[in-house]
Protein backbone atom coordinates (compact mmCIF):
# COMPACT_ATOMS: atom_id res chain seq x y z
CA MET A 1 -35.42 -1.31 -7.71
CA HIS A 2 -31.48 -1.44 -7.15
CA SER A 3 -29.48 -3.77 -9.20
CA PHE A 4 -26.80 -3.66 -6.54
CA PRO A 5 -24.49 -7.02 -7.32
CA LYS A 6 -26.03 -9.69 -5.46
CA SER A 7 -23.02 -11.77 -4.14
CA LEU A 8 -22.29 -8.50 -2.18
CA LEU A 9 -25.48 -8.21 -0.88
CA ASP A 10 -25.36 -12.04 -0.14
CA GLY A 11 -21.96 -11.22 1.89
CA TYR A 12 -23.25 -8.47 3.45
CA ALA A 13 -26.38 -10.55 4.83
CA ASN A 14 -23.83 -12.88 6.01
CA PHE A 15 -21.76 -10.07 7.89
CA MET A 16 -24.87 -8.63 9.80
CA SER A 17 -26.00 -12.35 10.76
CA GLY A 18 -22.33 -13.34 11.80
CA LYS A 19 -19.36 -11.39 12.40
CA TYR A 20 -21.19 -8.39 13.49
CA GLN A 21 -23.56 -9.92 15.86
CA LYS A 22 -20.04 -11.18 17.54
CA ILE A 23 -18.37 -7.93 17.79
CA ARG A 24 -21.31 -5.41 17.50
CA GLY A 25 -20.17 -3.78 20.91
CA GLN A 26 -16.68 -2.71 18.97
CA TYR A 27 -18.61 -1.17 16.09
CA HIS A 28 -20.63 0.93 18.52
CA GLU A 29 -17.58 1.55 20.01
CA LEU A 30 -16.05 2.91 17.38
CA ALA A 31 -18.47 4.86 16.26
CA ASP A 32 -19.32 6.90 19.39
CA LYS A 33 -15.42 7.16 20.87
CA GLY A 34 -13.57 7.61 16.71
CA GLN A 35 -10.66 5.17 15.68
CA LYS A 36 -7.58 4.90 16.59
CA PRO A 37 -5.47 2.95 14.83
CA ASP A 38 -1.57 2.48 15.72
CA THR A 39 -0.54 1.64 11.78
CA MET A 40 -1.01 2.91 8.42
CA ILE A 41 -0.39 0.58 5.40
CA ILE A 42 -0.18 1.81 2.36
CA SER A 43 -0.88 -1.06 -0.47
CA CYS A 44 -1.93 -1.76 -3.64
CA CYS A 45 -5.46 -1.77 -5.39
CA ASP A 46 -5.05 -5.69 -6.58
CA SER A 47 -7.76 -7.68 -5.11
CA ARG A 48 -5.21 -10.13 -4.28
CA SER A 49 -3.70 -8.44 -1.42
CA ALA A 50 -6.12 -7.17 1.18
CA PRO A 51 -3.94 -6.10 4.24
CA GLU A 52 -6.88 -6.67 6.26
CA THR A 53 -6.96 -10.53 5.04
CA ILE A 54 -3.16 -10.76 5.08
CA PHE A 55 -3.06 -9.66 8.61
CA GLY A 56 -6.24 -11.24 9.82
CA THR A 57 -7.25 -7.55 11.63
CA GLY A 58 -10.84 -6.57 12.81
CA PRO A 59 -12.58 -2.93 12.37
CA GLY A 60 -10.52 0.25 13.29
CA GLU A 61 -7.10 -1.47 13.62
CA LEU A 62 -5.36 -0.24 10.09
CA PHE A 63 -5.72 2.85 8.36
CA VAL A 64 -5.62 1.71 5.15
CA VAL A 65 -4.77 3.22 1.73
CA ARG A 66 -4.74 1.30 -1.66
CA ASN A 67 -3.14 2.82 -4.71
CA VAL A 68 -2.16 1.23 -7.67
CA ALA A 69 1.24 -0.58 -6.89
CA ASN A 70 1.23 0.65 -3.33
CA LEU A 71 3.45 3.89 -4.35
CA VAL A 72 4.44 7.32 -2.03
CA PRO A 73 4.94 10.40 -4.34
CA PRO A 74 7.37 12.84 -2.79
CA PHE A 75 6.36 15.60 -0.79
CA CYS A 76 5.08 18.15 -3.80
CA PRO A 77 2.43 20.68 -1.82
CA ASP A 78 2.76 23.42 -4.50
CA ASP A 79 2.85 21.07 -7.58
CA GLY A 80 -1.13 22.03 -8.49
CA GLY A 81 -1.62 18.32 -8.09
CA LEU A 82 -4.92 15.87 -6.42
CA HIS A 83 -2.87 14.11 -3.76
CA GLY A 84 -4.69 10.96 -2.60
CA THR A 85 -2.03 9.48 -0.65
CA SER A 86 -0.61 12.78 0.12
CA ALA A 87 -3.77 13.56 2.20
CA ALA A 88 -4.22 10.06 3.85
CA LEU A 89 -0.79 10.51 5.14
CA GLU A 90 -1.46 14.16 6.40
CA PHE A 91 -4.42 12.75 8.11
CA ALA A 92 -2.52 9.43 9.66
CA VAL A 93 0.35 11.39 11.11
CA GLN A 94 -1.18 14.77 12.31
CA ALA A 95 -4.42 13.66 13.46
CA LEU A 96 -4.78 10.02 14.21
CA LYS A 97 -1.17 10.21 15.56
CA ILE A 98 0.00 6.94 14.23
CA LYS A 99 3.01 5.13 15.00
CA ASN A 100 3.64 3.00 12.48
CA ILE A 101 3.82 3.41 8.64
CA ILE A 102 4.11 0.08 6.19
CA VAL A 103 4.79 0.35 2.42
CA MET A 104 2.83 -3.23 1.19
CA GLY A 105 4.07 -4.59 -1.81
CA HIS A 106 2.94 -7.94 -3.56
CA GLY A 107 4.23 -10.16 -6.65
CA ARG A 108 3.03 -10.17 -9.67
CA CYS A 109 2.10 -6.54 -9.69
CA GLY A 110 0.13 -5.14 -12.69
CA GLY A 111 1.35 -1.52 -11.86
CA ILE A 112 5.10 -2.98 -12.26
CA THR A 113 4.47 -4.64 -15.11
CA ALA A 114 3.25 -1.59 -16.91
CA SER A 115 6.05 0.01 -15.70
CA LEU A 116 8.82 -2.33 -16.99
CA THR A 117 6.63 -2.01 -20.69
CA PRO A 118 6.97 1.27 -21.77
CA ASP A 119 5.82 0.69 -25.31
CA MET A 120 2.32 -1.01 -23.51
CA GLU A 121 -0.91 1.26 -25.17
CA PRO A 122 -2.76 2.96 -22.10
CA LEU A 123 -5.96 1.48 -21.41
CA ALA A 124 -7.72 4.72 -21.66
CA PRO A 125 -6.66 8.49 -23.38
CA GLY A 126 -5.90 9.81 -20.15
CA ASN A 127 -2.99 7.14 -19.61
CA PHE A 128 -3.55 8.04 -16.13
CA ILE A 129 -1.69 4.73 -15.13
CA GLY A 130 1.30 5.34 -17.08
CA LYS A 131 1.81 8.93 -15.92
CA TRP A 132 1.12 7.62 -12.28
CA MET A 133 4.13 5.11 -12.88
CA GLU A 134 6.54 7.17 -14.39
CA MET A 135 7.50 8.03 -10.32
CA LEU A 136 9.42 4.37 -11.20
CA GLU A 137 10.74 4.76 -14.89
CA PRO A 138 14.42 5.19 -14.03
CA VAL A 139 14.29 2.23 -11.82
CA ALA A 140 12.24 0.38 -14.56
CA GLN A 141 14.38 1.54 -17.40
CA GLU A 142 17.59 0.20 -15.03
CA ALA A 143 15.82 -3.04 -14.55
CA ASN A 144 15.14 -3.54 -18.04
CA LYS A 145 19.07 -2.98 -19.07
CA ASN A 146 20.16 -6.09 -17.01
CA ILE A 147 19.87 -8.87 -19.50
CA SER A 148 20.98 -11.33 -17.17
CA LEU A 149 17.73 -11.26 -15.52
CA THR A 150 14.82 -13.06 -16.43
CA LYS A 151 11.42 -11.35 -16.67
CA GLU A 152 10.38 -12.63 -13.35
CA GLU A 153 13.51 -11.87 -11.53
CA ARG A 154 13.04 -7.67 -13.44
CA GLN A 155 9.26 -7.90 -11.91
CA THR A 156 10.32 -8.69 -8.52
CA ALA A 157 13.53 -6.95 -8.29
CA VAL A 158 11.31 -3.25 -8.84
CA GLU A 159 8.62 -4.41 -6.80
CA ARG A 160 10.89 -4.29 -3.72
CA ILE A 161 12.98 -1.26 -4.90
CA SER A 162 9.69 0.46 -5.71
CA ILE A 163 9.03 -0.20 -1.70
CA ARG A 164 12.37 1.26 -0.43
CA ASN A 165 11.47 4.22 -2.80
CA SER A 166 8.25 4.73 -1.64
CA VAL A 167 9.80 4.55 2.07
CA THR A 168 12.31 7.35 1.13
CA ASN A 169 9.76 9.38 -0.20
CA LEU A 170 7.36 9.00 3.12
CA ARG A 171 10.75 11.13 4.83
CA SER A 172 10.34 13.67 2.67
CA PHE A 173 7.44 14.81 4.18
CA PRO A 174 8.53 16.76 6.91
CA TYR A 175 6.17 16.04 9.79
CA ILE A 176 7.14 12.19 9.34
CA ALA A 177 10.94 13.07 9.32
CA GLN A 178 10.43 14.68 12.70
CA LYS A 179 8.04 12.04 14.03
CA GLU A 180 10.36 9.52 13.38
CA SER A 181 13.77 11.40 14.19
CA ALA A 182 11.93 11.75 17.81
CA ASN A 183 10.97 7.98 18.09
CA LYS A 184 7.59 8.40 17.78
CA LEU A 185 6.65 7.01 14.05
CA THR A 186 8.55 4.00 12.38
CA LEU A 187 8.52 3.40 9.05
CA TYR A 188 8.64 -0.10 7.42
CA GLY A 189 8.88 -1.87 4.15
CA ALA A 190 6.75 -5.01 3.12
CA TRP A 191 6.32 -7.77 0.05
CA PHE A 192 3.70 -10.32 0.03
CA ASP A 193 3.97 -13.14 -2.57
CA ILE A 194 0.36 -13.94 -3.56
CA LYS A 195 0.77 -17.38 -4.69
CA THR A 196 2.83 -18.96 -2.02
CA GLY A 197 1.50 -16.63 1.11
CA GLU A 198 5.11 -15.31 1.92
CA LEU A 199 5.49 -12.06 3.57
CA TRP A 200 8.52 -10.50 3.28
CA VAL A 201 9.80 -7.23 5.32
CA MET A 202 12.46 -4.99 4.64
CA ASP A 203 15.69 -4.22 7.25
CA ASN A 204 15.82 -0.70 8.05
CA LYS A 205 19.44 -0.90 8.06
CA SER A 206 20.47 -3.11 5.08
CA LYS A 207 17.18 -2.52 3.06
CA ASN A 208 17.58 -6.36 2.26
CA PHE A 209 14.12 -8.13 2.41
CA GLU A 210 13.70 -11.20 5.15
CA ARG A 211 11.10 -13.59 4.95
CA VAL A 212 9.35 -13.82 7.81
CA GLU A 213 8.82 -17.53 9.57
CA ILE A 214 6.03 -18.42 11.63
């Protein structure tokens, strides 16, 4: 007898008797014809910032990649590493022909907190989080030097600067830069406030974040 979490099984039962019944035909079509989403979102693993929930999308509408602190590493094909995010980008852009890529960060991000706390003890011997967040080390160090900012202000600043950095790193992938130049692909940055529900989007020219008015 399996011991799968009952709360998830209950949710699955509700899904099958409710939403699935209403859009069963859509699932059948996706299974037979494959997925054709227009938009890829690179977001954080944080359980409080699920893109499908925030944007109210259904199956097949978003191609979502989630990692700690929604980081995009630079294009480094020969460093011998295992590149989950880079592999997903390759598939989304080259195979699915994605038209939009959104890097979406969020407030109170634990990964960003870790980057701003260099003396934090590793959670495990591998220190995978610490090594992953080294991508933001220069930004975090600069923010920590600014004593005029409160702790919360530093956190938000680095969360948003990180989004800008990731959008810049996207352009280091040759096929992404080429498609963007040909107006076949558009890159975006966004930041979600978990507490207030506010969505802020990055202006591609000024790089400033502007709150979405609805």
